[in-house]
Amino acid sequence: MHAFSFHNPCQIEFGAGQIAKLGSLIPVQARVLVLYGGGSIKRNGAYEQISSALQQHHWQEFSGIEPNPEFETLMRAVQFARKHALDYIVAVGGGSVIDGAKFVAAAVPHDGDCWLIIGNRTPLKTALPLAAVLTLPATGSESNFAAVISRRESNDKLSFKNPLVFPKLAILDPTLTFSLPARQIGNGVVDAFVHTLEQYLTYPNEARVQDRLAEGILQTLIEIGPVTLNEPDNYDARANLMWAANQALYGLVGLGQAQDWATHAMGHELTMLFGLDHARTLAIVLPALWRYRFAAKQAKLAQYGRRVWALTGDDATVAAAAIEATSQFFAQMGLSARLGDYGIDAQEAADGVAAQLIRHQRLKLGENQDLTPDDCRAILLTAA
């Protein structure tokens, strides 16, 4: 197991009705910016609860944050916050809104070119404090310090990480997910599943506690995934999904582990090029990548197959069956592993993603840093 350090400053309030605590947990002198996406927070009751919780606070709202948060939209939110001297952000939504809020929190007090925040190309001295009210469990963004931001004019979808944008507070109320469309729930389950696998499915590394944390999250998602789709108001299933998605990227699973993240690198480019949902890109890339890297990943695939899917046989047999079981689970959640099912030509996708990876200098991917853009092209060609 590799050396590591761990720091997580986020206070988590979990359960029904926890939004009411916002009023006492946010300083009363704070000037609050409530940041959200579309109108769903007014349909699921979150907006009304936040209004009630913040009735003693000065607060203003900014809506319209996209499913893949756009730099241009976020800069309008930055200017809005500066104009009204707002100094505390409450992000209400899923990972995209929370990611966008992290950028806004960093950009409002930043003096230079805010685009350089993305990709960690400029130092940050400070950031506004941030609270997250989660309405779509998927990314774990409510209690980590990473964010992914898009810029359509330059065809970029890039990440940044900084401890300064770690949310101070996260409200996780499973009842807010009851009204979500099945597509978003299926996406959320797969997103959390792949986040866990990116940190776990590399090679045996004697990180036994982290391995079993990962396997527990994966087993939980397999158990409750179909229930979350078939019984939208099943509190226990939605609560376990919300917590599994949180823990997938909370920081513990990957401690001391070699991590992959090549699936995400390719998936981000597919989203930018073709507008495909983030989770759908992951469902396409991951099984194809595993088949391409079968020899290097066989030992961990076999462990995964035995412990998570209860498969039996020799390593090669179990590893191959584990890939198929994973693809079938994605299909059960409503996500295909084939580009063609989304009307995307595999050759166009493969060439486009390889070119984007080169442009973004993502030339060595994977746990061994030996996956090239040409390898990524070959992987996507097999996902036709």
Protein backbone atom coordinates (compact mmCIF):
# COMPACT_ATOMS: atom_id res chain seq x y z
CA MET A 1 0.00 0.00 0.00
CA HIS A 2 1.37 3.41 -1.02
CA ALA A 3 1.96 6.33 1.36
CA PHE A 4 -0.89 8.82 1.70
CA SER A 5 -2.37 11.70 3.67
CA PHE A 6 -6.08 12.43 4.19
CA HIS A 7 -8.05 15.57 5.05
CA ASN A 8 -11.81 16.03 4.89
CA PRO A 9 -13.24 19.15 6.58
CA CYS A 10 -16.86 18.77 5.43
CA GLN A 11 -19.68 18.61 7.97
CA ILE A 12 -22.37 16.24 6.66
CA GLU A 13 -26.01 16.43 7.77
CA PHE A 14 -27.83 13.33 6.49
CA GLY A 15 -31.55 12.55 6.49
CA ALA A 16 -35.01 13.94 5.81
CA GLY A 17 -35.59 17.55 6.83
CA GLN A 18 -31.93 18.46 7.31
CA ILE A 19 -32.18 21.59 5.11
CA ALA A 20 -33.73 23.32 8.14
CA LYS A 21 -30.28 23.30 9.75
CA LEU A 22 -28.87 25.65 7.11
CA GLY A 23 -30.07 28.69 9.02
CA SER A 24 -28.12 27.83 12.16
CA LEU A 25 -25.04 26.43 10.41
CA ILE A 26 -24.42 29.39 8.09
CA PRO A 27 -23.27 32.57 9.89
CA VAL A 28 -26.20 35.00 10.10
CA GLN A 29 -24.05 37.86 8.81
CA ALA A 30 -23.19 35.93 5.62
CA ARG A 31 -24.47 37.34 2.33
CA VAL A 32 -25.56 34.16 0.58
CA LEU A 33 -25.61 33.24 -3.11
CA VAL A 34 -27.98 30.32 -3.75
CA LEU A 35 -26.78 28.65 -6.94
CA TYR A 36 -28.87 26.07 -8.82
CA GLY A 37 -29.70 24.64 -12.22
CA GLY A 38 -33.24 24.47 -13.58
CA GLY A 39 -36.62 24.37 -11.91
CA SER A 40 -36.40 20.96 -10.26
CA ILE A 41 -35.51 22.43 -6.86
CA LYS A 42 -38.87 24.20 -6.87
CA ARG A 43 -40.68 20.95 -7.70
CA ASN A 44 -38.92 18.76 -5.14
CA GLY A 45 -39.41 21.17 -2.24
CA ALA A 46 -35.75 22.12 -1.79
CA TYR A 47 -36.25 25.77 -2.78
CA GLU A 48 -39.08 26.32 -0.31
CA GLN A 49 -37.12 24.66 2.50
CA ILE A 50 -34.03 26.76 1.75
CA SER A 51 -36.11 29.95 1.66
CA SER A 52 -37.48 29.10 5.07
CA ALA A 53 -34.10 28.12 6.51
CA LEU A 54 -32.43 31.34 5.32
CA GLN A 55 -35.19 33.76 6.29
CA GLN A 56 -32.85 35.52 8.76
CA HIS A 57 -30.10 35.82 6.13
CA HIS A 58 -29.54 38.15 3.21
CA TRP A 59 -29.59 35.87 0.18
CA GLN A 60 -29.95 36.08 -3.59
CA GLU A 61 -30.23 33.41 -6.23
CA PHE A 62 -28.58 32.60 -9.56
CA SER A 63 -30.03 29.80 -11.70
CA GLY A 64 -29.25 28.16 -15.03
CA ILE A 65 -26.14 26.11 -14.20
CA GLU A 66 -25.94 23.45 -16.93
CA PRO A 67 -25.60 19.65 -16.52
CA ASN A 68 -21.98 20.13 -17.62
CA PRO A 69 -21.33 23.53 -16.03
CA GLU A 70 -20.20 26.08 -18.61
CA PHE A 71 -17.43 28.56 -17.90
CA GLU A 72 -19.39 31.40 -19.51
CA THR A 73 -22.46 30.80 -17.31
CA LEU A 74 -20.32 30.48 -14.20
CA MET A 75 -18.54 33.75 -14.97
CA ARG A 76 -21.94 35.47 -15.05
CA ALA A 77 -22.55 34.04 -11.58
CA VAL A 78 -19.13 35.35 -10.50
CA GLN A 79 -20.00 38.86 -11.73
CA PHE A 80 -23.39 38.64 -10.00
CA ALA A 81 -21.76 37.67 -6.71
CA ARG A 82 -19.19 40.44 -6.99
CA LYS A 83 -21.83 43.04 -7.87
CA HIS A 84 -23.96 42.19 -4.84
CA ALA A 85 -21.02 41.55 -2.46
CA LEU A 86 -22.14 37.99 -1.79
CA ASP A 87 -19.67 36.03 0.30
CA TYR A 88 -21.13 32.57 1.00
CA ILE A 89 -22.39 30.08 -1.59
CA VAL A 90 -25.14 27.49 -1.18
CA ALA A 91 -25.11 25.09 -4.14
CA VAL A 92 -28.40 23.23 -4.63
CA GLY A 93 -28.34 20.34 -7.09
CA GLY A 94 -26.15 17.49 -8.25
CA GLY A 95 -22.48 17.31 -9.02
CA SER A 96 -22.61 19.77 -11.89
CA VAL A 97 -24.09 22.58 -9.80
CA ILE A 98 -21.72 21.83 -6.92
CA ASP A 99 -18.72 21.69 -9.28
CA GLY A 100 -19.81 25.01 -10.74
CA ALA A 101 -20.16 26.48 -7.27
CA LYS A 102 -16.60 25.43 -6.44
CA PHE A 103 -15.38 27.39 -9.44
CA VAL A 104 -17.49 30.42 -8.48
CA ALA A 105 -16.19 30.21 -4.90
CA ALA A 106 -12.62 30.29 -6.20
CA ALA A 107 -13.19 32.88 -8.91
CA VAL A 108 -15.07 35.60 -7.00
CA PRO A 109 -12.03 36.71 -4.95
CA HIS A 110 -9.50 35.83 -7.69
CA ASP A 111 -7.59 38.75 -9.29
CA GLY A 112 -6.28 37.20 -12.51
CA ASP A 113 -7.67 35.23 -15.46
CA CYS A 114 -10.29 32.93 -13.93
CA TRP A 115 -9.95 30.38 -16.74
CA LEU A 116 -6.51 29.55 -15.38
CA ILE A 117 -8.14 28.19 -12.24
CA ILE A 118 -9.23 25.25 -14.39
CA GLY A 119 -6.39 22.78 -14.70
CA ASN A 120 -4.71 24.27 -11.61
CA ARG A 121 -2.66 26.69 -13.73
CA THR A 122 -2.76 29.56 -11.22
CA PRO A 123 -2.42 29.59 -7.43
CA LEU A 124 -5.48 30.29 -5.30
CA LYS A 125 -5.07 32.41 -2.19
CA THR A 126 -8.62 32.17 -0.90
CA ALA A 127 -12.16 31.09 -1.82
CA LEU A 128 -15.67 31.82 -0.60
CA PRO A 129 -17.10 29.29 1.88
CA LEU A 130 -19.45 26.80 0.26
CA ALA A 131 -22.38 24.66 1.42
CA ALA A 132 -23.97 21.96 -0.75
CA VAL A 133 -27.57 20.77 -0.72
CA LEU A 134 -27.51 17.54 -2.71
CA THR A 135 -30.51 16.68 -4.89
CA LEU A 136 -28.91 14.20 -7.33
CA PRO A 137 -26.56 11.56 -5.89
CA ALA A 138 -23.78 10.61 -8.28
CA THR A 139 -20.46 12.37 -8.04
CA GLY A 140 -19.70 12.87 -4.35
CA SER A 141 -18.83 16.48 -5.20
CA GLU A 142 -20.61 17.63 -2.03
CA SER A 143 -17.69 16.42 0.11
CA ASN A 144 -14.54 16.55 -1.97
CA PHE A 145 -12.43 19.33 -3.50
CA ALA A 146 -12.51 18.40 -7.20
CA ALA A 147 -14.61 19.97 -9.96
CA VAL A 148 -15.01 19.55 -13.72
CA ILE A 149 -15.84 22.61 -15.85
CA SER A 150 -16.62 22.90 -19.57
CA ARG A 151 -15.85 25.68 -22.02
CA ARG A 152 -17.74 25.17 -25.25
CA GLU A 153 -16.01 27.88 -27.28
CA SER A 154 -12.69 26.06 -26.93
CA ASN A 155 -14.07 22.50 -26.70
CA ASP A 156 -12.61 21.94 -23.24
CA LYS A 157 -13.92 19.85 -20.35
CA LEU A 158 -11.26 20.03 -17.66
CA SER A 159 -10.91 19.58 -13.93
CA PHE A 160 -9.35 21.44 -11.05
CA LYS A 161 -8.68 20.50 -7.45
CA ASN A 162 -8.03 22.72 -4.47
CA PRO A 163 -8.65 22.22 -0.73
CA LEU A 164 -9.91 25.83 -0.55
CA VAL A 165 -13.13 24.84 -2.38
CA PHE A 166 -13.93 21.89 -0.10
CA PRO A 167 -17.57 22.40 0.96
CA LYS A 168 -17.83 23.34 4.63
CA LEU A 169 -21.25 21.76 4.89
CA ALA A 170 -23.25 19.15 2.95
CA ILE A 171 -26.97 18.50 3.37
CA LEU A 172 -27.96 15.02 2.14
CA ASP A 173 -31.74 14.49 2.22
CA PRO A 174 -32.77 11.35 0.29
CA THR A 175 -36.38 12.56 -0.08
CA LEU A 176 -35.15 15.25 -2.49
CA THR A 177 -34.35 12.46 -4.98
CA PHE A 178 -37.88 11.00 -5.11
CA SER A 179 -38.95 13.15 -8.06
CA LEU A 180 -35.84 12.57 -10.20
CA PRO A 181 -36.34 11.03 -13.67
CA ALA A 182 -35.29 7.38 -14.01
CA ARG A 183 -32.56 8.42 -16.45
CA GLN A 184 -30.85 10.58 -13.83
CA ILE A 185 -31.07 7.87 -11.17
CA GLY A 186 -29.62 5.27 -13.55
CA ASN A 187 -26.85 7.69 -14.41
CA GLY A 188 -26.17 8.34 -10.74
CA VAL A 189 -25.87 4.66 -9.88
CA VAL A 190 -23.44 4.02 -12.75
CA ASP A 191 -21.46 7.17 -12.03
CA ALA A 192 -20.88 6.13 -8.41
CA PHE A 193 -20.10 2.58 -9.51
CA VAL A 194 -17.42 3.68 -11.97
CA HIS A 195 -15.94 6.22 -9.55
CA THR A 196 -15.36 3.33 -7.17
CA LEU A 197 -13.89 1.11 -9.87
CA GLU A 198 -11.48 3.78 -11.11
CA GLN A 199 -9.81 3.69 -7.68
CA TYR A 200 -10.10 -0.07 -7.10
CA LEU A 201 -9.70 -2.00 -10.32
CA THR A 202 -6.01 -1.69 -11.11
CA TYR A 203 -3.72 -4.37 -9.66
CA PRO A 204 -3.41 -6.06 -6.24
CA ASN A 205 -1.78 -3.59 -3.87
CA GLU A 206 -2.24 -4.94 -0.31
CA ALA A 207 -4.72 -2.16 0.46
CA ARG A 208 -7.13 -4.61 2.03
CA VAL A 209 -9.33 -2.17 3.94
CA GLN A 210 -9.73 0.09 0.89
CA ASP A 211 -10.43 -2.93 -1.31
CA ARG A 212 -13.26 -4.01 0.95
CA LEU A 213 -14.61 -0.48 1.25
CA ALA A 214 -14.79 -0.41 -2.55
CA GLU A 215 -16.35 -3.85 -2.76
CA GLY A 216 -18.95 -2.90 -0.16
CA ILE A 217 -19.94 0.21 -2.12
CA LEU A 218 -20.15 -1.80 -5.35
CA GLN A 219 -22.27 -4.54 -3.74
CA THR A 220 -24.57 -1.93 -2.23
CA LEU A 221 -25.11 -0.26 -5.61
CA ILE A 222 -25.83 -3.63 -7.24
CA GLU A 223 -28.40 -4.41 -4.53
CA ILE A 224 -30.22 -1.11 -4.46
CA GLY A 225 -29.74 0.06 -8.06
CA PRO A 226 -32.82 -1.72 -9.47
CA VAL A 227 -34.89 -0.73 -6.40
CA THR A 228 -34.08 2.95 -6.90
CA LEU A 229 -35.47 2.68 -10.43
CA ASN A 230 -38.53 0.58 -9.65
CA GLU A 231 -39.55 2.21 -6.34
CA PRO A 232 -38.82 5.96 -6.63
CA ASP A 233 -40.11 6.76 -3.13
CA ASN A 234 -38.27 3.94 -1.35
CA TYR A 235 -36.42 6.00 1.25
CA ASP A 236 -34.00 3.27 2.29
CA ALA A 237 -32.89 2.57 -1.27
CA ARG A 238 -32.44 6.26 -2.07
CA ALA A 239 -30.62 6.85 1.22
CA ASN A 240 -28.18 4.03 0.50
CA LEU A 241 -27.63 5.34 -3.04
CA MET A 242 -26.95 8.84 -1.70
CA TRP A 243 -24.44 7.56 0.84
CA ALA A 244 -22.77 5.12 -1.58
CA ALA A 245 -22.27 7.90 -4.14
CA ASN A 246 -20.86 10.14 -1.42
CA GLN A 247 -18.44 7.52 -0.14
CA ALA A 248 -17.30 6.54 -3.64
CA LEU A 249 -15.42 9.84 -3.92
CA TYR A 250 -15.14 10.83 -0.27
CA GLY A 251 -11.43 10.11 -0.35
CA LEU A 252 -11.11 6.86 1.62
CA VAL A 253 -11.48 4.29 -1.18
CA GLY A 254 -8.46 5.52 -3.11
CA LEU A 255 -6.09 6.00 -0.16
CA GLY A 256 -2.85 4.12 -0.72
CA GLN A 257 -4.18 2.77 -4.01
CA ALA A 258 -2.93 3.05 -7.55
CA GLN A 259 -5.77 4.72 -9.47
CA ASP A 260 -6.78 4.54 -13.11
CA TRP A 261 -9.13 7.38 -14.30
CA ALA A 262 -8.49 6.71 -18.00
CA THR A 263 -12.20 5.95 -18.43
CA HIS A 264 -13.01 9.42 -17.12
CA ALA A 265 -10.41 11.09 -19.33
CA MET A 266 -11.98 9.54 -22.43
CA GLY A 267 -15.50 10.02 -21.14
CA HIS A 268 -15.05 13.76 -20.61
CA GLU A 269 -13.95 14.14 -24.23
CA LEU A 270 -16.95 12.13 -25.48
CA THR A 271 -19.28 14.41 -23.52
CA MET A 272 -17.67 17.53 -24.94
CA LEU A 273 -17.65 16.22 -28.52
CA PHE A 274 -21.08 14.57 -28.64
CA GLY A 275 -23.06 15.93 -25.68
CA LEU A 276 -23.51 12.47 -24.19
CA ASP A 277 -24.39 12.19 -20.49
CA HIS A 278 -21.26 11.74 -18.36
CA ALA A 279 -22.38 8.39 -16.90
CA ARG A 280 -23.28 7.08 -20.35
CA THR A 281 -19.74 7.77 -21.57
CA LEU A 282 -18.37 5.82 -18.59
CA ALA A 283 -20.62 2.84 -19.33
CA ILE A 284 -19.30 2.80 -22.90
CA VAL A 285 -15.61 3.18 -22.12
CA LEU A 286 -15.07 1.07 -19.00
CA PRO A 287 -15.88 -2.44 -20.33
CA ALA A 288 -14.01 -1.70 -23.56
CA LEU A 289 -10.97 -0.50 -21.63
CA TRP A 290 -11.02 -3.60 -19.41
CA ARG A 291 -11.07 -5.90 -22.43
CA TYR A 292 -8.20 -3.99 -24.01
CA ARG A 293 -6.18 -4.09 -20.76
CA PHE A 294 -7.27 -7.60 -19.82
CA ALA A 295 -3.81 -9.03 -19.10
CA ALA A 296 -2.73 -6.09 -16.92
CA LYS A 297 -6.01 -6.03 -14.98
CA GLN A 298 -6.79 -9.76 -14.86
CA ALA A 299 -5.74 -10.30 -11.23
CA LYS A 300 -7.88 -7.46 -9.89
CA LEU A 301 -10.76 -8.30 -12.25
CA ALA A 302 -10.74 -11.83 -10.86
CA GLN A 303 -10.80 -10.52 -7.28
CA TYR A 304 -13.68 -8.19 -8.22
CA GLY A 305 -15.56 -11.03 -9.92
CA ARG A 306 -15.25 -13.35 -6.95
CA ARG A 307 -15.94 -10.86 -4.16
CA VAL A 308 -18.53 -8.61 -5.79
CA TRP A 309 -20.30 -10.91 -8.26
CA ALA A 310 -19.69 -14.28 -6.46
CA LEU A 311 -18.26 -15.78 -9.66
CA THR A 312 -16.26 -19.01 -9.64
CA GLY A 313 -13.57 -20.53 -11.83
CA ASP A 314 -9.99 -19.75 -12.76
CA ASP A 315 -8.74 -16.17 -12.89
CA ALA A 316 -9.19 -15.68 -16.63
CA THR A 317 -12.72 -17.11 -16.63
CA VAL A 318 -13.84 -15.05 -13.62
CA ALA A 319 -12.22 -11.87 -14.97
CA ALA A 320 -13.98 -12.19 -18.33
CA ALA A 321 -17.31 -12.96 -16.66
CA ALA A 322 -16.91 -9.95 -14.36
CA ILE A 323 -16.67 -7.64 -17.38
CA GLU A 324 -19.89 -9.09 -18.80
CA ALA A 325 -21.66 -8.84 -15.42
CA THR A 326 -20.68 -5.18 -15.21
CA SER A 327 -21.99 -4.41 -18.70
CA GLN A 328 -25.25 -6.20 -17.90
CA PHE A 329 -25.62 -4.17 -14.70
CA PHE A 330 -25.16 -0.95 -16.67
CA ALA A 331 -27.85 -2.14 -19.09
CA GLN A 332 -30.15 -2.90 -16.15
CA MET A 333 -29.69 0.72 -15.09
CA GLY A 334 -30.65 1.83 -18.62
CA LEU A 335 -27.15 2.59 -19.97
CA SER A 336 -25.69 0.97 -23.08
CA ALA A 337 -22.03 0.03 -23.57
CA ARG A 338 -22.18 0.78 -27.31
CA LEU A 339 -21.57 4.06 -29.10
CA GLY A 340 -23.90 3.01 -31.90
CA ASP A 341 -26.85 2.86 -29.51
CA TYR A 342 -26.48 6.64 -29.11
CA GLY A 343 -26.07 7.26 -32.84
CA ILE A 344 -22.33 7.92 -32.55
CA ASP A 345 -19.92 6.62 -35.18
CA ALA A 346 -17.08 4.75 -33.47
CA GLN A 347 -14.40 5.91 -35.91
CA GLU A 348 -15.41 9.54 -35.49
CA ALA A 349 -15.47 9.14 -31.71
CA ALA A 350 -12.12 7.35 -31.59
CA ASP A 351 -10.36 9.90 -33.78
CA GLY A 352 -11.97 12.84 -32.02
CA VAL A 353 -11.15 11.66 -28.51
CA ALA A 354 -7.55 10.82 -29.44
CA ALA A 355 -7.10 14.29 -30.95
CA GLN A 356 -8.58 15.96 -27.85
CA LEU A 357 -6.35 13.96 -25.51
CA ILE A 358 -3.31 15.06 -27.50
CA ARG A 359 -4.48 18.67 -27.44
CA HIS A 360 -4.95 18.50 -23.67
CA GLN A 361 -1.57 16.78 -23.24
CA ARG A 362 -3.21 13.69 -21.74
CA LEU A 363 -0.58 11.44 -23.28
CA LYS A 364 -0.03 8.89 -20.51
CA LEU A 365 -3.14 7.57 -18.81
CA GLY A 366 -4.04 4.72 -16.48
CA GLU A 367 -2.61 3.35 -13.26
CA ASN A 368 0.73 2.68 -14.95
CA GLN A 369 0.76 5.87 -17.05
CA ASP A 370 1.25 3.77 -20.17
CA LEU A 371 -2.05 4.26 -22.01
CA THR A 372 -1.52 6.50 -25.04
CA PRO A 373 -4.02 8.40 -27.22
CA ASP A 374 -3.53 5.65 -29.83
CA ASP A 375 -4.53 3.07 -27.23
CA CYS A 376 -7.60 5.16 -26.42
CA ARG A 377 -8.49 5.27 -30.10
CA ALA A 378 -8.25 1.48 -30.28
CA ILE A 379 -10.39 1.08 -27.15
CA LEU A 380 -13.21 3.22 -28.53
CA LEU A 381 -13.18 1.41 -31.86
CA THR A 382 -14.12 -1.77 -29.98
CA ALA A 383 -17.15 -0.01 -28.45
CA ALA A 384 -18.95 0.47 -31.76
